[in-house]
C-alpha atoms as a PDB file:
ATOM      1  CA  UNK A   1      -4.473 -57.428  -8.857  1.00  0.00           C
ATOM      2  CA  UNK A   2      -4.042 -60.605  -6.792  1.00  0.00           C
ATOM      3  CA  UNK A   3      -1.995 -58.735  -4.188  1.00  0.00           C
ATOM      4  CA  UNK A   4      -4.690 -56.051  -3.932  1.00  0.00           C
ATOM      5  CA  UNK A   5      -7.494 -58.587  -3.566  1.00  0.00           C
ATOM      6  CA  UNK A   6      -5.502 -60.483  -0.934  1.00  0.00           C
ATOM      7  CA  UNK A   7      -4.968 -57.258   1.042  1.00  0.00           C
ATOM      8  CA  UNK A   8      -8.670 -56.466   0.744  1.00  0.00           C
ATOM      9  CA  UNK A   9      -9.566 -59.917   2.108  1.00  0.00           C
ATOM     10  CA  UNK A  10      -7.118 -59.508   4.983  1.00  0.00           C
ATOM     11  CA  UNK A  11      -8.633 -56.110   5.796  1.00  0.00           C
ATOM     12  CA  UNK A  12     -12.192 -57.460   5.869  1.00  0.00           C
ATOM     13  CA  UNK A  13     -11.133 -60.415   8.022  1.00  0.00           C
ATOM     14  CA  UNK A  14      -9.128 -58.125  10.294  1.00  0.00           C
ATOM     15  CA  UNK A  15     -12.094 -55.832  10.808  1.00  0.00           C
ATOM     16  CA  UNK A  16     -14.309 -58.821  11.624  1.00  0.00           C
ATOM     17  CA  UNK A  17     -11.743 -60.084  14.143  1.00  0.00           C
ATOM     18  CA  UNK A  18     -11.410 -56.616  15.702  1.00  0.00           C
ATOM     19  CA  UNK A  19     -15.189 -56.430  15.992  1.00  0.00           C
ATOM     20  CA  UNK A  20     -15.288 -59.760  17.870  1.00  0.00           C
ATOM     21  CA  UNK A  21     -12.206 -59.165  20.041  1.00  0.00           C
ATOM     22  CA  UNK A  22     -13.098 -55.645  21.158  1.00  0.00           C
ATOM     23  CA  UNK A  23     -16.862 -56.139  21.302  1.00  0.00           C
ATOM     24  CA  UNK A  24     -17.383 -53.350  18.745  1.00  0.00           C
ATOM     25  CA  UNK A  25     -20.725 -54.196  17.076  1.00  0.00           C
ATOM     26  CA  UNK A  26     -20.859 -50.892  15.174  1.00  0.00           C
ATOM     27  CA  UNK A  27     -17.780 -51.739  13.059  1.00  0.00           C
ATOM     28  CA  UNK A  28     -18.727 -53.190   9.663  1.00  0.00           C
ATOM     29  CA  UNK A  29     -16.958 -53.915   6.366  1.00  0.00           C
ATOM     30  CA  UNK A  30     -19.276 -55.371   3.751  1.00  0.00           C
ATOM     31  CA  UNK A  31     -17.818 -54.043   0.548  1.00  0.00           C
ATOM     32  CA  UNK A  32     -14.452 -52.331   0.592  1.00  0.00           C
ATOM     33  CA  UNK A  33     -13.718 -50.423  -2.620  1.00  0.00           C
ATOM     34  CA  UNK A  34     -10.137 -50.564  -3.865  1.00  0.00           C
ATOM     35  CA  UNK A  35      -8.046 -48.479  -6.246  1.00  0.00           C
ATOM     36  CA  UNK A  36      -5.209 -50.002  -8.242  1.00  0.00           C
ATOM     37  CA  UNK A  37      -2.817 -47.487  -9.783  1.00  0.00           C
ATOM     38  CA  UNK A  38      -0.631 -49.247 -12.294  1.00  0.00           C
ATOM     39  CA  UNK A  39       1.271 -48.816 -15.541  1.00  0.00           C
ATOM     40  CA  UNK A  40       0.440 -46.569 -18.460  1.00  0.00           C
ATOM     41  CA  UNK A  41      -2.364 -46.489 -20.967  1.00  0.00           C
ATOM     42  CA  UNK A  42      -1.631 -48.836 -23.862  1.00  0.00           C
ATOM     43  CA  UNK A  43      -0.676 -47.143 -27.110  1.00  0.00           C
ATOM     44  CA  UNK A  44      -2.206 -49.438 -29.708  1.00  0.00           C
ATOM     45  CA  UNK A  45      -5.913 -49.696 -30.383  1.00  0.00           C
ATOM     46  CA  UNK A  46      -6.061 -53.447 -29.699  1.00  0.00           C
ATOM     47  CA  UNK A  47      -4.200 -53.145 -26.395  1.00  0.00           C
ATOM     48  CA  UNK A  48      -6.406 -50.229 -25.320  1.00  0.00           C
ATOM     49  CA  UNK A  49      -9.481 -52.290 -26.122  1.00  0.00           C
ATOM     50  CA  UNK A  50      -8.190 -55.256 -24.114  1.00  0.00           C
ATOM     51  CA  UNK A  51      -7.248 -53.023 -21.207  1.00  0.00           C
ATOM     52  CA  UNK A  52     -10.660 -51.316 -21.144  1.00  0.00           C
ATOM     53  CA  UNK A  53     -12.449 -54.679 -21.287  1.00  0.00           C
ATOM     54  CA  UNK A  54     -10.363 -55.952 -18.369  1.00  0.00           C
ATOM     55  CA  UNK A  55     -10.731 -52.727 -16.381  1.00  0.00           C
ATOM     56  CA  UNK A  56     -14.471 -52.641 -16.938  1.00  0.00           C
ATOM     57  CA  UNK A  57     -14.911 -56.227 -15.795  1.00  0.00           C
ATOM     58  CA  UNK A  58     -13.446 -55.624 -12.344  1.00  0.00           C
ATOM     59  CA  UNK A  59     -15.911 -55.353  -9.485  1.00  0.00           C
ATOM     60  CA  UNK A  60     -15.080 -53.177  -6.467  1.00  0.00           C
ATOM     61  CA  UNK A  61     -11.662 -52.347  -7.951  1.00  0.00           C
ATOM     62  CA  UNK A  62     -11.032 -49.075  -9.755  1.00  0.00           C
ATOM     63  CA  UNK A  63      -8.055 -49.466 -12.072  1.00  0.00           C
ATOM     64  CA  UNK A  64      -6.335 -46.251 -13.097  1.00  0.00           C
ATOM     65  CA  UNK A  65      -3.036 -45.749 -14.877  1.00  0.00           C
ATOM     66  CA  UNK A  66      -0.290 -43.394 -13.754  1.00  0.00           C
ATOM     67  CA  UNK A  67      -0.765 -41.152 -16.802  1.00  0.00           C
ATOM     68  CA  UNK A  68      -4.534 -40.961 -16.179  1.00  0.00           C
ATOM     69  CA  UNK A  69      -3.890 -40.032 -12.542  1.00  0.00           C
ATOM     70  CA  UNK A  70      -1.385 -37.375 -13.585  1.00  0.00           C
ATOM     71  CA  UNK A  71      -3.864 -35.878 -16.067  1.00  0.00           C
ATOM     72  CA  UNK A  72      -6.586 -35.794 -13.375  1.00  0.00           C
ATOM     73  CA  UNK A  73      -4.224 -34.151 -10.880  1.00  0.00           C
ATOM     74  CA  UNK A  74      -3.164 -31.525 -13.446  1.00  0.00           C
ATOM     75  CA  UNK A  75      -6.813 -30.763 -14.264  1.00  0.00           C
ATOM     76  CA  UNK A  76      -7.631 -30.531 -10.544  1.00  0.00           C
ATOM     77  CA  UNK A  77      -4.687 -28.190  -9.969  1.00  0.00           C
ATOM     78  CA  UNK A  78      -5.776 -25.994 -12.859  1.00  0.00           C
ATOM     79  CA  UNK A  79      -9.348 -25.965 -11.570  1.00  0.00           C
ATOM     80  CA  UNK A  80      -8.306 -25.047  -8.032  1.00  0.00           C
ATOM     81  CA  UNK A  81      -5.874 -22.357  -9.152  1.00  0.00           C
ATOM     82  CA  UNK A  82      -8.309 -20.460 -11.419  1.00  0.00           C
ATOM     83  CA  UNK A  83      -9.058 -16.867 -10.577  1.00  0.00           C
ATOM     84  CA  UNK A  84     -12.491 -16.013  -9.137  1.00  0.00           C
ATOM     85  CA  UNK A  85     -13.271 -13.638 -12.028  1.00  0.00           C
ATOM     86  CA  UNK A  86     -13.412 -16.490 -14.563  1.00  0.00           C
ATOM     87  CA  UNK A  87     -16.869 -17.484 -15.708  1.00  0.00           C
ATOM     88  CA  UNK A  88     -18.727 -20.324 -14.035  1.00  0.00           C
ATOM     89  CA  UNK A  89     -19.031 -22.084 -17.407  1.00  0.00           C
ATOM     90  CA  UNK A  90     -15.238 -22.196 -17.816  1.00  0.00           C
ATOM     91  CA  UNK A  91     -14.876 -23.722 -14.340  1.00  0.00           C
ATOM     92  CA  UNK A  92     -17.551 -26.336 -14.920  1.00  0.00           C
ATOM     93  CA  UNK A  93     -15.861 -27.392 -18.189  1.00  0.00           C
ATOM     94  CA  UNK A  94     -12.572 -27.884 -16.345  1.00  0.00           C
ATOM     95  CA  UNK A  95     -14.286 -29.845 -13.584  1.00  0.00           C
ATOM     96  CA  UNK A  96     -16.021 -32.110 -16.130  1.00  0.00           C
ATOM     97  CA  UNK A  97     -12.574 -33.232 -17.316  1.00  0.00           C
ATOM     98  CA  UNK A  98     -11.888 -34.642 -13.843  1.00  0.00           C
ATOM     99  CA  UNK A  99     -14.749 -37.103 -14.088  1.00  0.00           C
END
């Protein structure tokens, strides 16, 4: 998390410096969202609770685990590879799993 936040700070500072150096007033970076992909979902109830509390407390950083990302990618693949003759309701149910 510290490495990500440091990189975010460097990016914002770098954009500000680029704006000044190149006289580019249209370049802005107020709030840069970040995604941290790390680890696996905890297996025990207490660890899951702690993880969700920590994840939910982060501002401007989306924390996602590798197994969550894999599940989202599999659902997206299934959604995109469905045949056109399937009902719209079936497709919307699959898409809801991505969110």
